[in-house]
Every structure is written in structure tokens, then in C-alpha cells.
Amino acid sequence: MISEKRSFSESRTFPQRNMLPFVLVTALFFLWGIPSNLNDVLIRQFMKSFEMNRFQAGLIQSAFYMGYFLLAMPAALIMRKYTYKTRLVIGLLLYGTGTVLFWPAAVVRQYGFFLFALFVTASGLAFLETGANPFVAVLGDPRTSERRLTFSQAFNPLGCIGGVPVGTAFVFSGIELKPAQVEALKVAGKYDAYLQHETLRVVTPYLVLGCVVFSCALLIMKTKFPGVAGESESGGGDQPKGNFRELFKYPHFVQGVLAQFVYIGAQVGTWSYFITYVRDYTGLPEKPAGYFLTGTLVAFAIGRFSATYLMTLIEPTKLMGSYSLANVVLVALGVLMPGWIGLWSIFLTSFFMSLMFPTILALGIKGLGSNTKIGGSMIVMAIIGGAVFTPVMGSSGAFPAR
């Protein structure tokens, strides 16, 4: 037993011979974290600029995660014929295109156009997630796949941390009109101009992000990737493709899909309405509320990096179970004691949510062999839970707006 524990703790986490591809793909985790949490800023901004309720604004997450759901399987089918690298490049090109579409959407000021832009962006992220997650998991010692993937995933909340303050600073104007001021602007014929100005504020951050994404696509194209899990750089046609039906013979895979569906629904719903929760129950304006959301993402990042270390001492399944119980208690406090106690309780859930996604995915695809690609894609598809739960939470009336 002692020798087994020592072997586990001394297993290499990082692939020494393939560090450049590993570093580049890990950087993508940072890059796709940015739009995921910019959505939380958009929900609040569009509630103002389009004068909509929480349910309507929650459709932002529905459009976004529907892109994940609908494109994850086509991404898997493409990668069965080609390579992980091909999927990553396609993902970056779609991602960049989606961000650029924010410009015409803001000019015509059509909410449906914004939802389409978010769908295209998320379609690109579906290719990135279904390519990067299993690539990192299988690129190295299989005994440390959870640890390695948790480390790479730790850079995802760093992207979120970067995205939220940028959105708070450049999307939020800080102008929150009272009913009397709204009426005064309407009488003066200036209210539509105010709404258009608020809508256009989303353009610059997304155009800058698009330029970065297209640059990364070019860099990935010029980098040689190793063949892993039976594939080659050219994606030869004689490789084992896997079988969809065989996946359901693995109980841990099925459990992984279900767990990811429920977890992502909880995570996305919590972050989507966090700014609104802070405003409603503490009275803070939107900008300070946005910075509180940034703080939760810092806690998320700290949780990811610390979990990478803790997994050298504690089995991933046991660590995940204890973190899950902690979150049940914290969410209960947030619901039953709305206010500053509830705020800090919801704030801390991010720390304990940190290891869920990578650990569920790594455990779900472990031992799938030639089914790893398609299995990883199906677990990523399970994040449709974010599209299902967010508008339901918005229409539930559990936290009525004040």
C-alpha cells in the first residue's frame, strides 16, 4: 500500500517530451474562459439596454450552451477522421468569427443577432473543449490524468478573472437611471440614444478578443503536435475510431455525463445571477457587484491550483465528494439568508466548484481507449445543463428583483 501511494505521488504530471503543445493547449483554457464569464456581464447589461427581465436575459446562456451542445458531437466526428490539432484550429476560427459578429449585432441593435453571435462563439468553444480536455488527459502518464487536467483547467478561471473586470470596466457604463430619469429622457427624445449607447459598449472588448483568437489559431497551425491515442499528425484513416454504443457499457462514463449536466447547470446559474443577487440583497451598484464576481473567480482559480496539489494526497473522487457537500451547505445559506451572509456563502461556492469539471471529465473518459474522443465530446455536450437551468432559475421567482 505504501509503495502504491508513493508511486501515485511520484508519477509525472507533465509530459516532458511534449511540453510545447501542452503549454499551447493549456493557454487555450485561459482563452475560452473569457467569453464564458463575459456572459455574466452581458446578462446584466442587456437587462438594461434591451429592457428585459431575467428570463429573457437568461437566454444568453441558453444560446451559448446550445452552441456547445449542438457542435460537440460534430466536433467529435471531425476528430475521428482528423486530429486534435484540426479540431483546435476549427474551434479558434469559429470562436473569432463569433466575437466579430458582436459589431454588426450592436449596430442593428437586435437581441436575436447577439444570441446568434454567442451561438457561433460557443460553437468554436465546443471544438476547443472537446479537443483540449481529452488531449491534455491522454498526453502523459494515465495515472496523473486528473491532476494534469485540473492543472490545465486552472488557467480557465484566470481567463474568467481577466474577462469579468474587462467587461465590468468597458461594458458597464455605471449609469443606472432611476424611473424619473428614464421618463425625463423619453420626454426629451433621448432615451433610445441612451439605450443604443449602452448596447454599443459591448463591441470593443469582443473585437479585441477576436484579434487575439485569430492570432492563436495561426500559432497553433504552425506548431507540430504529437500523435496521441492512436492518431497521427495527418489523421490517417486506418486508426481505431471508437464505437458510440460501446460507451454505454461503461457505468463511470454514464455517471460522468449525468454529473456534468447537473454540475454545469449549477455553476452557470450561480455565476449568471451573482451580480443581480449582490445588487438586490446588498444594494451595491453594478460595477462593485461585477468586481465581487471577479473575486469569486479568483477563489475558483485558487481552488483549481490547490486541488492539483491536494490530489497528490487525496483520491480525486473523495476530494470531489467533500467539495460537493461543502457547496450544498453554502448554497443553502445563500438561499435561506440572502444578504451579506448569503453573498459570502455564494462567493465561496466558487472555490469548491473549482475541481468539478476537470475531475468529472477525466474520470468519465478514463479507460475508454478508442472511444476517448467521442466519450469526451459527450461529456462536454452535457454542459447543456447551463442552457437548461439558467432561464429556469431566472423565471423561478426564488429571488424576486427589488
Protein backbone atom coordinates (compact mmCIF):
# COMPACT_ATOMS: atom_id res chain seq x y z
CA MET A 1 0.00 0.00 0.00
CA ILE A 2 2.82 2.40 0.90
CA SER A 3 4.62 1.68 -2.35
CA GLU A 4 1.38 2.27 -4.33
CA LYS A 5 0.86 5.68 -2.69
CA ARG A 6 4.48 6.62 -3.33
CA SER A 7 4.16 5.58 -6.97
CA PHE A 8 1.00 7.68 -7.34
CA SER A 9 2.55 10.79 -5.78
CA GLU A 10 5.78 10.48 -7.78
CA SER A 11 4.10 9.95 -11.15
CA ARG A 12 4.88 12.72 -13.61
CA THR A 13 2.08 15.22 -14.05
CA PHE A 14 3.53 16.98 -17.11
CA PRO A 15 4.56 15.39 -20.44
CA GLN A 16 8.27 16.22 -20.54
CA ARG A 17 8.74 15.39 -24.23
CA ASN A 18 5.72 17.35 -25.44
CA MET A 19 5.83 20.48 -23.32
CA LEU A 20 5.31 22.99 -26.16
CA PRO A 21 1.97 21.53 -27.36
CA PHE A 22 0.95 21.07 -23.72
CA VAL A 23 1.69 24.73 -22.94
CA LEU A 24 -0.12 25.99 -26.06
CA VAL A 25 -3.22 23.93 -25.37
CA THR A 26 -3.18 24.92 -21.70
CA ALA A 27 -3.15 28.55 -22.86
CA LEU A 28 -6.41 27.85 -24.71
CA PHE A 29 -8.07 27.05 -21.38
CA PHE A 30 -7.33 30.65 -20.41
CA LEU A 31 -8.63 31.97 -23.72
CA TRP A 32 -12.03 30.29 -23.65
CA GLY A 33 -12.62 31.30 -20.04
CA ILE A 34 -13.01 34.92 -21.14
CA PRO A 35 -16.32 34.73 -23.08
CA SER A 36 -17.83 32.21 -20.69
CA ASN A 37 -17.91 34.77 -17.88
CA LEU A 38 -18.37 37.83 -20.03
CA ASN A 39 -21.86 36.35 -20.40
CA ASP A 40 -22.48 37.16 -16.74
CA VAL A 41 -21.76 40.81 -17.52
CA LEU A 42 -23.88 40.68 -20.69
CA ILE A 43 -26.90 39.42 -18.77
CA ARG A 44 -26.91 42.48 -16.55
CA GLN A 45 -26.06 44.83 -19.44
CA PHE A 46 -28.80 43.52 -21.74
CA MET A 47 -31.37 43.65 -18.94
CA LYS A 48 -30.65 47.38 -19.05
CA SER A 49 -30.02 48.12 -22.74
CA PHE A 50 -32.84 45.91 -24.04
CA GLU A 51 -35.16 46.48 -21.05
CA MET A 52 -35.75 42.77 -20.46
CA ASN A 53 -36.44 40.52 -17.49
CA ARG A 54 -34.19 37.83 -16.05
CA PHE A 55 -35.74 35.01 -18.02
CA GLN A 56 -35.17 36.81 -21.33
CA ALA A 57 -31.62 37.78 -20.36
CA GLY A 58 -31.01 34.19 -19.24
CA LEU A 59 -31.45 33.14 -22.88
CA ILE A 60 -27.89 34.41 -23.33
CA GLN A 61 -26.70 31.29 -21.55
CA SER A 62 -29.19 29.14 -23.46
CA ALA A 63 -27.84 30.32 -26.83
CA PHE A 64 -24.27 29.98 -25.61
CA TYR A 65 -24.53 26.47 -24.23
CA MET A 66 -26.73 25.33 -27.08
CA GLY A 67 -23.72 26.02 -29.28
CA TYR A 68 -21.71 23.66 -27.09
CA PHE A 69 -24.40 21.02 -27.20
CA LEU A 70 -25.08 21.03 -30.94
CA LEU A 71 -21.45 21.29 -32.08
CA ALA A 72 -19.74 18.95 -29.61
CA MET A 73 -20.73 15.81 -31.49
CA PRO A 74 -19.87 17.16 -34.98
CA ALA A 75 -16.53 18.12 -33.46
CA ALA A 76 -16.08 14.55 -32.27
CA LEU A 77 -16.92 13.18 -35.71
CA ILE A 78 -14.41 15.52 -37.33
CA MET A 79 -11.72 14.46 -34.88
CA ARG A 80 -12.44 10.76 -35.51
CA LYS A 81 -11.20 11.41 -39.04
CA TYR A 82 -8.61 14.07 -38.30
CA THR A 83 -6.57 15.13 -35.27
CA TYR A 84 -6.91 17.04 -32.02
CA LYS A 85 -4.98 19.87 -33.69
CA THR A 86 -7.54 20.14 -36.50
CA ARG A 87 -10.35 20.48 -34.01
CA LEU A 88 -8.50 23.20 -32.10
CA VAL A 89 -7.88 25.28 -35.23
CA ILE A 90 -11.52 25.00 -36.36
CA GLY A 91 -12.61 25.96 -32.87
CA LEU A 92 -10.44 29.08 -32.79
CA LEU A 93 -11.71 30.22 -36.21
CA LEU A 94 -15.35 29.82 -35.15
CA TYR A 95 -14.64 31.48 -31.81
CA GLY A 96 -13.05 34.51 -33.50
CA THR A 97 -15.89 34.80 -36.01
CA GLY A 98 -18.47 34.84 -33.23
CA THR A 99 -16.74 37.69 -31.40
CA VAL A 100 -16.54 39.79 -34.58
CA LEU A 101 -20.30 39.34 -35.12
CA PHE A 102 -20.90 41.43 -31.99
CA TRP A 103 -20.13 44.54 -34.06
CA PRO A 104 -23.00 44.26 -36.59
CA ALA A 105 -25.29 42.94 -33.85
CA ALA A 106 -24.71 46.11 -31.83
CA VAL A 107 -25.11 48.38 -34.85
CA VAL A 108 -28.54 46.97 -35.75
CA ARG A 109 -29.36 46.53 -32.02
CA GLN A 110 -31.07 43.17 -32.41
CA TYR A 111 -31.04 40.85 -29.41
CA GLY A 112 -31.52 37.80 -31.65
CA PHE A 113 -28.38 38.75 -33.59
CA PHE A 114 -26.43 38.84 -30.33
CA LEU A 115 -27.75 35.40 -29.44
CA PHE A 116 -26.58 34.13 -32.84
CA ALA A 117 -23.12 35.65 -32.27
CA LEU A 118 -22.95 33.92 -28.89
CA PHE A 119 -24.03 30.65 -30.51
CA VAL A 120 -21.21 30.88 -33.09
CA THR A 121 -18.70 31.77 -30.36
CA ALA A 122 -19.78 28.81 -28.25
CA SER A 123 -19.65 26.53 -31.29
CA GLY A 124 -15.97 27.34 -31.51
CA LEU A 125 -15.53 26.71 -27.81
CA ALA A 126 -17.18 23.30 -28.24
CA PHE A 127 -14.39 22.35 -30.65
CA LEU A 128 -11.78 23.71 -28.24
CA GLU A 129 -13.16 21.98 -25.15
CA THR A 130 -13.78 18.63 -26.80
CA GLY A 131 -10.29 18.77 -28.28
CA ALA A 132 -8.22 20.27 -25.46
CA ASN A 133 -9.65 18.38 -22.48
CA PRO A 134 -9.09 14.81 -23.73
CA PHE A 135 -5.81 15.84 -25.40
CA VAL A 136 -4.39 17.02 -22.06
CA ALA A 137 -5.82 14.00 -20.24
CA VAL A 138 -4.15 11.46 -22.55
CA LEU A 139 -0.93 13.43 -23.14
CA GLY A 140 1.18 11.77 -20.48
CA ASP A 141 1.01 9.29 -17.62
CA PRO A 142 -2.60 7.98 -17.34
CA ARG A 143 -2.17 7.74 -13.56
CA THR A 144 -1.99 11.54 -13.37
CA SER A 145 -4.66 12.45 -15.92
CA GLU A 146 -6.98 14.04 -13.33
CA ARG A 147 -4.09 16.02 -11.84
CA ARG A 148 -2.80 17.16 -15.23
CA LEU A 149 -6.24 18.18 -16.48
CA THR A 150 -7.04 20.01 -13.24
CA PHE A 151 -3.77 21.96 -13.63
CA SER A 152 -4.59 22.97 -17.22
CA GLN A 153 -8.17 23.76 -16.24
CA ALA A 154 -6.82 26.05 -13.51
CA PHE A 155 -5.96 28.54 -16.26
CA ASN A 156 -9.60 28.67 -17.33
CA PRO A 157 -10.73 30.74 -14.31
CA LEU A 158 -7.73 33.01 -14.88
CA GLY A 159 -9.34 33.84 -18.22
CA CYS A 160 -12.62 34.37 -16.42
CA ILE A 161 -10.85 36.65 -13.94
CA GLY A 162 -9.47 38.65 -16.85
CA GLY A 163 -12.78 38.75 -18.70
CA VAL A 164 -15.08 39.90 -15.91
CA PRO A 165 -13.17 43.05 -14.85
CA VAL A 166 -12.67 43.97 -18.51
CA GLY A 167 -16.40 43.57 -19.06
CA THR A 168 -17.18 45.45 -15.85
CA ALA A 169 -14.88 48.33 -16.83
CA PHE A 170 -15.66 48.59 -20.55
CA VAL A 171 -19.21 47.22 -20.86
CA PHE A 172 -20.81 48.67 -17.73
CA SER A 173 -21.14 52.44 -18.06
CA GLY A 174 -22.02 52.88 -14.40
CA ILE A 175 -25.13 54.82 -15.47
CA GLU A 176 -28.15 53.32 -13.73
CA LEU A 177 -31.18 55.51 -14.33
CA LYS A 178 -34.00 55.90 -11.87
CA PRO A 179 -37.60 55.81 -13.17
CA ALA A 180 -37.87 59.60 -13.07
CA GLN A 181 -34.68 59.96 -15.14
CA VAL A 182 -35.96 57.45 -17.69
CA GLU A 183 -39.16 59.42 -18.10
CA ALA A 184 -37.20 62.66 -18.49
CA LEU A 185 -35.08 61.16 -21.26
CA LYS A 186 -38.17 59.82 -23.02
CA VAL A 187 -39.80 63.23 -22.91
CA ALA A 188 -36.62 64.79 -24.33
CA GLY A 189 -36.47 62.12 -27.06
CA LYS A 190 -33.05 60.92 -25.89
CA TYR A 191 -33.89 57.57 -24.33
CA ASP A 192 -33.35 55.50 -27.49
CA ALA A 193 -29.94 57.12 -27.93
CA TYR A 194 -29.07 56.14 -24.35
CA LEU A 195 -30.08 52.51 -25.00
CA GLN A 196 -28.07 52.43 -28.24
CA HIS A 197 -25.03 53.81 -26.43
CA GLU A 198 -25.33 51.10 -23.76
CA THR A 199 -25.61 48.41 -26.44
CA LEU A 200 -22.56 49.61 -28.37
CA ARG A 201 -20.40 49.33 -25.26
CA VAL A 202 -20.07 45.57 -25.82
CA VAL A 203 -18.33 45.92 -29.19
CA THR A 204 -14.75 46.90 -28.32
CA PRO A 205 -13.96 44.08 -25.83
CA TYR A 206 -15.21 41.45 -28.27
CA LEU A 207 -13.33 42.85 -31.28
CA VAL A 208 -10.07 42.90 -29.31
CA LEU A 209 -10.74 39.35 -28.15
CA GLY A 210 -11.35 38.27 -31.76
CA CYS A 211 -7.95 39.60 -32.85
CA VAL A 212 -6.23 37.60 -30.10
CA VAL A 213 -8.14 34.44 -31.01
CA PHE A 214 -7.24 34.60 -34.72
CA SER A 215 -3.58 35.12 -33.77
CA CYS A 216 -3.69 31.99 -31.60
CA ALA A 217 -5.22 30.00 -34.47
CA LEU A 218 -2.25 30.94 -36.65
CA LEU A 219 0.21 29.92 -33.93
CA ILE A 220 -1.46 26.52 -33.42
CA MET A 221 -1.41 25.86 -37.18
CA LYS A 222 2.35 26.41 -37.28
CA THR A 223 3.09 24.11 -34.30
CA LYS A 224 3.71 20.36 -34.71
CA PHE A 225 1.54 18.26 -32.37
CA PRO A 226 2.36 14.71 -31.26
CA GLY A 227 0.15 11.80 -32.21
CA VAL A 228 -1.77 10.52 -29.18
CA ALA A 229 -4.30 7.78 -28.54
CA GLY A 230 -3.64 6.11 -31.86
CA GLU A 231 -3.77 9.16 -34.11
CA SER A 232 -1.15 10.70 -36.33
CA GLU A 233 -0.47 14.27 -37.34
CA SER A 234 -2.33 13.70 -40.60
CA GLY A 235 -5.13 11.77 -39.02
CA GLY A 236 -4.77 8.60 -41.05
CA GLY A 237 -7.90 6.68 -41.96
CA ASP A 238 -6.76 3.29 -40.57
CA GLN A 239 -6.89 4.42 -36.95
CA PRO A 240 -9.37 2.98 -34.46
CA LYS A 241 -12.47 5.20 -34.49
CA GLY A 242 -14.36 4.01 -31.47
CA ASN A 243 -17.97 2.96 -31.20
CA PHE A 244 -20.79 5.11 -29.83
CA ARG A 245 -22.80 2.17 -28.48
CA GLU A 246 -19.84 0.77 -26.56
CA LEU A 247 -19.74 3.88 -24.38
CA PHE A 248 -22.88 2.89 -22.53
CA LYS A 249 -21.16 -0.27 -21.33
CA TYR A 250 -19.02 1.91 -19.07
CA PRO A 251 -21.00 2.93 -15.93
CA HIS A 252 -18.42 5.54 -14.95
CA PHE A 253 -18.87 7.25 -18.33
CA VAL A 254 -22.67 7.43 -17.99
CA GLN A 255 -22.31 8.77 -14.45
CA GLY A 256 -19.84 11.35 -15.76
CA VAL A 257 -22.33 12.65 -18.33
CA LEU A 258 -25.11 12.99 -15.75
CA ALA A 259 -22.82 14.60 -13.18
CA GLN A 260 -21.52 17.13 -15.69
CA PHE A 261 -25.05 18.09 -16.80
CA VAL A 262 -26.16 18.87 -13.25
CA TYR A 263 -22.90 20.50 -12.19
CA ILE A 264 -22.68 22.91 -15.13
CA GLY A 265 -26.31 23.90 -14.61
CA ALA A 266 -25.48 24.81 -11.02
CA GLN A 267 -22.25 26.62 -11.87
CA VAL A 268 -23.62 28.69 -14.75
CA GLY A 269 -26.80 29.58 -12.90
CA THR A 270 -24.86 30.69 -9.83
CA TRP A 271 -22.49 32.96 -11.75
CA SER A 272 -25.12 34.28 -14.17
CA TYR A 273 -27.24 35.82 -11.44
CA PHE A 274 -24.49 36.62 -8.95
CA ILE A 275 -24.28 40.30 -9.94
CA THR A 276 -28.06 40.61 -9.72
CA TYR A 277 -28.04 38.81 -6.34
CA VAL A 278 -25.44 41.25 -4.98
CA ARG A 279 -27.37 44.28 -6.21
CA ASP A 280 -30.73 43.05 -4.91
CA TYR A 281 -29.62 41.95 -1.46
CA THR A 282 -26.79 44.32 -0.56
CA GLY A 283 -27.73 47.43 -2.53
CA LEU A 284 -24.32 47.70 -4.21
CA PRO A 285 -24.21 49.28 -7.73
CA GLU A 286 -23.44 47.14 -10.81
CA LYS A 287 -19.70 47.92 -11.03
CA PRO A 288 -18.84 46.90 -7.42
CA ALA A 289 -21.11 43.87 -7.89
CA GLY A 290 -19.10 42.98 -11.01
CA TYR A 291 -15.87 43.18 -9.04
CA PHE A 292 -17.35 40.84 -6.44
CA LEU A 293 -17.93 38.36 -9.28
CA THR A 294 -14.26 38.77 -10.19
CA GLY A 295 -13.42 37.83 -6.62
CA THR A 296 -15.40 34.60 -6.88
CA LEU A 297 -13.38 33.69 -9.97
CA VAL A 298 -10.15 34.34 -8.07
CA ALA A 299 -11.43 31.88 -5.47
CA PHE A 300 -12.21 29.47 -8.33
CA ALA A 301 -8.66 29.74 -9.67
CA ILE A 302 -7.13 29.25 -6.22
CA GLY A 303 -9.32 26.19 -5.81
CA ARG A 304 -8.08 24.72 -9.11
CA PHE A 305 -4.39 25.14 -8.31
CA SER A 306 -4.77 23.92 -4.73
CA ALA A 307 -6.79 20.90 -5.92
CA THR A 308 -3.93 19.96 -8.24
CA TYR A 309 -1.72 19.62 -5.16
CA LEU A 310 -4.36 18.03 -2.92
CA MET A 311 -4.88 15.29 -5.49
CA THR A 312 -1.35 14.10 -4.76
CA LEU A 313 -2.52 13.38 -1.21
CA ILE A 314 -6.23 12.55 -1.56
CA GLU A 315 -8.02 10.42 -4.14
CA PRO A 316 -9.81 12.67 -6.68
CA THR A 317 -13.19 11.01 -6.06
CA LYS A 318 -13.02 11.58 -2.30
CA LEU A 319 -11.88 15.18 -2.72
CA MET A 320 -14.68 15.89 -5.17
CA GLY A 321 -17.25 14.35 -2.82
CA SER A 322 -16.18 16.51 0.12
CA TYR A 323 -16.22 19.66 -2.03
CA SER A 324 -19.73 18.80 -3.22
CA LEU A 325 -21.03 18.56 0.33
CA ALA A 326 -19.44 21.92 1.18
CA ASN A 327 -21.27 23.54 -1.72
CA VAL A 328 -24.63 22.12 -0.68
CA VAL A 329 -24.23 23.82 2.69
CA LEU A 330 -23.06 27.13 1.20
CA VAL A 331 -25.87 27.34 -1.37
CA ALA A 332 -28.41 26.58 1.35
CA LEU A 333 -27.07 29.54 3.34
CA GLY A 334 -27.29 31.75 0.25
CA VAL A 335 -30.94 30.83 -0.27
CA LEU A 336 -32.06 30.94 3.36
CA MET A 337 -30.04 34.01 4.43
CA PRO A 338 -29.98 36.44 1.48
CA GLY A 339 -27.83 39.45 2.25
CA TRP A 340 -24.17 39.76 3.20
CA ILE A 341 -24.07 36.29 4.76
CA GLY A 342 -25.65 34.85 1.64
CA LEU A 343 -23.30 36.83 -0.59
CA TRP A 344 -20.17 35.45 1.07
CA SER A 345 -21.65 31.94 1.08
CA ILE A 346 -22.32 32.06 -2.66
CA PHE A 347 -18.91 33.69 -3.10
CA LEU A 348 -17.19 30.69 -1.51
CA THR A 349 -19.02 28.13 -3.65
CA SER A 350 -16.64 29.01 -6.49
CA PHE A 351 -13.68 27.65 -4.54
CA PHE A 352 -15.40 24.30 -4.05
CA MET A 353 -16.75 24.17 -7.62
CA SER A 354 -13.22 24.52 -8.95
CA LEU A 355 -12.25 20.88 -9.38
CA MET A 356 -15.63 19.57 -10.57
CA PHE A 357 -15.46 19.92 -14.36
CA PRO A 358 -11.95 18.54 -15.00
CA THR A 359 -12.31 15.77 -12.43
CA ILE A 360 -15.69 14.62 -13.75
CA LEU A 361 -14.36 14.64 -17.31
CA ALA A 362 -11.06 12.89 -16.54
CA LEU A 363 -12.79 10.18 -14.51
CA GLY A 364 -15.52 9.80 -17.12
CA ILE A 365 -13.15 9.13 -20.04
CA LYS A 366 -10.62 7.03 -18.12
CA GLY A 367 -10.11 3.64 -19.73
CA LEU A 368 -12.30 4.32 -22.80
CA GLY A 369 -9.47 3.58 -25.24
CA SER A 370 -10.51 4.30 -28.83
CA ASN A 371 -13.77 5.73 -27.52
CA THR A 372 -11.96 8.54 -25.67
CA LYS A 373 -12.62 11.25 -28.29
CA ILE A 374 -16.32 10.66 -28.69
CA GLY A 375 -16.74 10.00 -24.97
CA GLY A 376 -15.06 13.29 -24.12
CA SER A 377 -17.33 15.04 -26.60
CA MET A 378 -20.45 13.61 -24.98
CA ILE A 379 -19.34 14.75 -21.53
CA VAL A 380 -18.73 18.22 -22.96
CA MET A 381 -22.21 18.09 -24.54
CA ALA A 382 -23.57 17.60 -21.04
CA ILE A 383 -22.81 21.23 -20.29
CA ILE A 384 -26.15 21.91 -21.96
CA GLY A 385 -27.20 21.94 -18.32
CA GLY A 386 -26.10 25.59 -18.33
CA ALA A 387 -28.69 26.35 -21.03
CA VAL A 388 -31.44 24.45 -19.22
CA PHE A 389 -31.06 25.64 -15.65
CA THR A 390 -30.22 29.33 -16.15
CA PRO A 391 -33.54 30.56 -17.66
CA VAL A 392 -35.42 28.27 -15.26
CA MET A 393 -33.67 29.98 -12.34
CA GLY A 394 -34.46 33.37 -13.87
CA SER A 395 -38.18 32.61 -14.06
CA SER A 396 -38.47 30.76 -10.74
CA GLY A 397 -39.04 33.84 -8.64
CA ALA A 398 -36.81 32.43 -5.90
CA PHE A 399 -35.09 35.80 -5.66
CA PRO A 400 -37.56 38.45 -6.80
CA ALA A 401 -35.98 41.62 -8.16
CA ARG A 402 -36.06 44.66 -5.93
